[in-house]
Amino acid sequence: MPKIKDIPKFDRPREKMEKYGPGKLSDAELLAILLRTGTKDLNVLKLAQKILQKFENEKFINITIDELKTMRGLGPVKACEIIACFELGKRMLKGKKSSILLSPKDVWERMEDIRGSKKEHFAVFYLDSRNQEIQREVISIGTLNESLVHPREVFEGAIKNNAASIILAHNHPSGDLEPSQADIEITKKLIHAGKIIDIKIIDHIIVVNDSWSKIEV
C-alpha cells in the first residue's frame, strides 16, 4: 500500500486544498486532512475512504466518539478532533438556511431588494455542486454594458467562492422584460468564458417588480 508521501504532490489532499481550495476536494480527501496519518496497512486516504464507507453520510455527521474508536487507526485523539470539527460546523451553521436555486422564480424571490430599483443592478449567484447558494454578489450598478460587466469581475468571485456554477440576474427599471441586445451579447460572452474555465452558467434572469423572464441564447 503506497504511503501518502508516495502519491504525487499535486494529488495529496493538503497540497490540493492549498492550490484549489476545499471545494475541489472529495469527502475522503477532506477527512484525510483531519486524520493526518493512516495505519501500517492503510495510507490516510484509504483509511478515510474506509471510514466513509462504513458510516452513511447522515449518521457520520452525528457520529459519537465511541463509534469512531471502533475503526482501526482511530484512537481517542483523532476521534475527538473529528467530532470537534463536526460540532463546530453545526454551531456555525445553526439557524442558517441554505437556499437551493432551481428555478427562475427562486431567483426572482431572492432579488426582492433589487427588482424594483430605479437603477439597473447586475447580480451573480455563486452555487455549489448541489445548486446551493454560496453567496450573491452585485457586480455592477448602472446600464448594462461590457465595461461594467466583464468576465473577470463575474468569475473572480466564482473562483474565490469555489463555485461549481453560477446564475446571472439583473433588473429592468423600465419594467420591460424583453432582453436588450446588450443583455444577449453579454450573456453569450459570459457563457463562453464559463466554458473555458469549466464554470457553468445555469441561467440569466431579468427581474421586475411582479415578474421575470429568462434570456435564451
Protein backbone atom coordinates (compact mmCIF):
# COMPACT_ATOMS: atom_id res chain seq x y z
CA MET A 1 0.00 0.00 0.00
CA PRO A 2 1.65 3.30 -1.09
CA LYS A 3 2.18 5.87 1.63
CA ILE A 4 0.79 9.38 1.25
CA LYS A 5 4.31 10.69 0.57
CA ASP A 6 4.48 8.32 -2.42
CA ILE A 7 1.43 9.98 -4.01
CA PRO A 8 2.38 12.76 -6.48
CA LYS A 9 2.44 16.09 -4.66
CA PHE A 10 -0.33 17.64 -6.78
CA ASP A 11 -2.66 14.77 -5.75
CA ARG A 12 -2.09 14.99 -2.00
CA PRO A 13 -5.11 16.39 -0.12
CA ARG A 14 -3.34 19.22 1.71
CA GLU A 15 -1.50 20.42 -1.38
CA LYS A 16 -4.72 20.24 -3.43
CA MET A 17 -6.56 22.32 -0.85
CA GLU A 18 -3.84 24.97 -0.81
CA LYS A 19 -3.89 25.24 -4.59
CA TYR A 20 -7.58 24.81 -5.45
CA GLY A 21 -9.49 25.37 -2.21
CA PRO A 22 -11.64 22.93 -0.17
CA GLY A 23 -14.47 22.85 -2.73
CA LYS A 24 -12.35 20.81 -5.13
CA LEU A 25 -11.61 18.02 -2.66
CA SER A 26 -13.64 14.84 -2.22
CA ASP A 27 -15.16 13.88 1.14
CA ALA A 28 -12.39 11.34 1.64
CA GLU A 29 -9.67 13.91 0.92
CA LEU A 30 -11.18 16.37 3.40
CA LEU A 31 -11.39 13.68 6.07
CA ALA A 32 -7.81 12.62 5.30
CA ILE A 33 -6.62 16.13 6.16
CA LEU A 34 -8.28 15.81 9.56
CA LEU A 35 -6.82 12.33 10.12
CA ARG A 36 -3.31 13.39 9.05
CA THR A 37 -1.88 9.82 9.19
CA GLY A 38 -3.05 6.35 8.29
CA THR A 39 -2.14 2.93 9.65
CA LYS A 40 0.56 0.41 8.84
CA ASP A 41 -1.73 -1.23 6.27
CA LEU A 42 -3.70 1.78 5.01
CA ASN A 43 -2.50 5.20 3.94
CA VAL A 44 -4.54 8.12 5.21
CA LEU A 45 -6.68 8.38 2.05
CA LYS A 46 -7.61 4.71 2.13
CA LEU A 47 -8.40 4.97 5.82
CA ALA A 48 -10.66 7.95 5.16
CA GLN A 49 -12.45 6.07 2.37
CA LYS A 50 -12.94 3.04 4.63
CA ILE A 51 -14.46 5.20 7.38
CA LEU A 52 -16.87 6.88 4.94
CA GLN A 53 -17.89 3.51 3.50
CA LYS A 54 -18.75 2.18 6.96
CA PHE A 55 -20.93 5.11 8.04
CA GLU A 56 -23.69 6.69 5.96
CA ASN A 57 -23.46 10.46 5.42
CA GLU A 58 -26.35 11.32 7.76
CA LYS A 59 -25.06 9.05 10.51
CA PHE A 60 -21.45 10.19 10.09
CA ILE A 61 -22.36 13.82 10.80
CA ASN A 62 -23.85 12.75 14.16
CA ILE A 63 -21.34 10.02 14.95
CA THR A 64 -20.08 9.52 18.50
CA ILE A 65 -16.53 9.20 19.77
CA ASP A 66 -17.11 5.57 20.78
CA GLU A 67 -18.37 4.71 17.28
CA LEU A 68 -15.32 6.29 15.68
CA LYS A 69 -12.98 4.46 18.02
CA THR A 70 -14.28 1.13 16.69
CA MET A 71 -12.34 1.85 13.49
CA ARG A 72 -8.81 0.57 13.46
CA GLY A 73 -6.44 3.51 13.20
CA LEU A 74 -8.68 5.92 15.09
CA GLY A 75 -7.66 6.48 18.67
CA PRO A 76 -9.31 8.89 21.13
CA VAL A 77 -7.30 11.89 19.91
CA LYS A 78 -8.28 11.59 16.26
CA ALA A 79 -11.85 10.69 17.17
CA CYS A 80 -12.16 13.80 19.35
CA GLU A 81 -10.69 16.03 16.64
CA ILE A 82 -13.23 14.81 14.07
CA ILE A 83 -16.16 15.20 16.47
CA ALA A 84 -14.95 18.69 17.43
CA CYS A 85 -14.79 19.68 13.75
CA PHE A 86 -18.35 18.49 13.10
CA GLU A 87 -19.68 20.17 16.25
CA LEU A 88 -18.06 23.49 15.31
CA GLY A 89 -19.59 23.28 11.83
CA LYS A 90 -23.04 22.60 13.28
CA ARG A 91 -22.79 25.57 15.63
CA MET A 92 -21.59 27.91 12.88
CA LEU A 93 -24.45 26.87 10.57
CA LYS A 94 -27.14 26.77 13.26
CA GLY A 95 -30.11 28.87 12.21
CA LYS A 96 -28.80 29.39 8.68
CA LYS A 97 -30.97 28.06 5.89
CA SER A 98 -29.41 27.07 2.59
CA SER A 99 -31.11 28.49 -0.47
CA ILE A 100 -31.42 25.99 -3.30
CA LEU A 101 -31.85 27.84 -6.57
CA LEU A 102 -33.61 25.56 -9.02
CA SER A 103 -35.93 27.88 -10.94
CA PRO A 104 -36.11 31.45 -12.25
CA LYS A 105 -38.88 32.12 -9.73
CA ASP A 106 -36.47 31.30 -6.90
CA VAL A 107 -34.04 33.85 -8.31
CA TRP A 108 -36.82 36.45 -8.66
CA GLU A 109 -37.72 35.99 -4.99
CA ARG A 110 -34.07 36.37 -3.93
CA MET A 111 -33.85 39.64 -5.90
CA GLU A 112 -36.59 41.29 -3.84
CA ASP A 113 -34.25 44.06 -2.65
CA ILE A 114 -33.20 44.89 -6.22
CA ARG A 115 -36.02 44.17 -8.67
CA GLY A 116 -37.86 47.48 -8.03
CA SER A 117 -34.76 49.68 -8.08
CA LYS A 118 -34.62 52.69 -10.40
CA LYS A 119 -31.07 51.69 -11.34
CA GLU A 120 -30.05 48.51 -13.11
CA HIS A 121 -28.27 46.03 -10.83
CA PHE A 122 -26.36 43.03 -12.18
CA ALA A 123 -26.05 40.21 -9.64
CA VAL A 124 -24.33 36.84 -9.64
CA PHE A 125 -25.40 33.85 -7.54
CA TYR A 126 -22.47 31.54 -6.79
CA LEU A 127 -23.63 27.94 -6.34
CA ASP A 128 -22.00 24.76 -5.09
CA SER A 129 -22.28 21.36 -6.78
CA ARG A 130 -25.74 20.82 -5.24
CA ASN A 131 -27.08 24.16 -6.52
CA GLN A 132 -26.98 25.58 -3.01
CA GLU A 133 -26.28 29.27 -2.86
CA ILE A 134 -22.85 30.11 -1.52
CA GLN A 135 -23.18 33.85 -1.96
CA ARG A 136 -24.91 36.52 -4.02
CA GLU A 137 -22.83 39.43 -5.23
CA VAL A 138 -23.85 42.61 -7.06
CA ILE A 139 -21.25 43.09 -9.79
CA SER A 140 -22.41 46.41 -11.23
CA ILE A 141 -24.97 49.18 -10.86
CA GLY A 142 -25.94 51.11 -13.97
CA THR A 143 -26.81 50.44 -17.61
CA LEU A 144 -25.54 47.05 -18.67
CA ASN A 145 -22.53 47.19 -20.97
CA GLU A 146 -19.28 45.30 -21.44
CA SER A 147 -17.22 47.78 -19.43
CA LEU A 148 -19.43 47.30 -16.36
CA VAL A 149 -19.98 43.54 -16.66
CA HIS A 150 -16.70 41.88 -17.57
CA PRO A 151 -15.97 38.12 -17.30
CA ARG A 152 -13.12 38.93 -14.94
CA GLU A 153 -15.49 40.55 -12.44
CA VAL A 154 -18.03 37.71 -12.70
CA PHE A 155 -15.68 34.74 -12.48
CA GLU A 156 -13.23 36.20 -9.97
CA GLY A 157 -15.93 35.77 -7.32
CA ALA A 158 -16.84 32.32 -8.64
CA ILE A 159 -13.27 31.10 -8.27
CA LYS A 160 -12.88 32.75 -4.87
CA ASN A 161 -16.04 31.03 -3.62
CA ASN A 162 -15.21 27.66 -5.24
CA ALA A 163 -18.47 27.83 -7.18
CA ALA A 164 -19.44 24.91 -9.41
CA SER A 165 -21.93 27.02 -11.35
CA ILE A 166 -23.47 30.48 -11.35
CA ILE A 167 -26.77 32.20 -12.09
CA LEU A 168 -26.84 35.70 -13.55
CA ALA A 169 -29.65 38.11 -12.81
CA HIS A 170 -30.42 41.78 -13.34
CA ASN A 171 -33.41 44.09 -13.02
CA HIS A 172 -35.00 46.31 -15.65
CA PRO A 173 -36.12 49.60 -14.07
CA SER A 174 -38.39 50.22 -17.08
CA GLY A 175 -40.48 47.17 -16.19
CA ASP A 176 -39.90 45.70 -19.67
CA LEU A 177 -38.92 42.02 -19.51
CA GLU A 178 -37.64 41.88 -23.10
CA PRO A 179 -33.85 41.39 -23.14
CA SER A 180 -31.86 44.09 -24.89
CA GLN A 181 -29.22 43.29 -27.48
CA ALA A 182 -26.60 44.16 -24.85
CA ASP A 183 -28.19 41.66 -22.44
CA ILE A 184 -27.95 38.90 -25.06
CA GLU A 185 -24.40 39.72 -26.08
CA ILE A 186 -23.11 39.86 -22.50
CA THR A 187 -24.82 36.55 -21.73
CA LYS A 188 -23.16 34.89 -24.72
CA LYS A 189 -19.79 36.30 -23.74
CA LEU A 190 -20.07 35.08 -20.15
CA ILE A 191 -21.29 31.61 -21.20
CA HIS A 192 -18.25 31.31 -23.49
CA ALA A 193 -15.90 32.43 -20.70
CA GLY A 194 -17.51 29.96 -18.29
CA LYS A 195 -16.91 27.05 -20.65
CA ILE A 196 -13.22 27.88 -20.81
CA ILE A 197 -12.78 27.72 -17.03
CA ASP A 198 -15.38 24.97 -16.51
CA ILE A 199 -17.90 27.02 -14.50
CA LYS A 200 -21.39 26.61 -15.91
CA ILE A 201 -23.85 29.48 -16.24
CA ILE A 202 -27.24 27.95 -15.45
CA ASP A 203 -29.48 30.93 -16.23
CA HIS A 204 -29.60 34.65 -16.85
CA ILE A 205 -32.80 36.07 -15.39
CA ILE A 206 -34.34 39.52 -15.92
CA VAL A 207 -36.50 40.61 -12.99
CA VAL A 208 -39.04 43.37 -12.46
CA ASN A 209 -41.40 44.05 -9.56
CA ASP A 210 -44.03 41.47 -10.40
CA SER A 211 -42.47 39.06 -12.88
CA TRP A 212 -39.36 37.68 -14.53
CA SER A 213 -38.06 36.41 -17.87
CA LYS A 214 -35.23 34.16 -18.92
CA ILE A 215 -32.64 35.13 -21.53
CA GLU A 216 -32.41 32.41 -24.16
CA VAL A 217 -29.21 32.33 -26.21
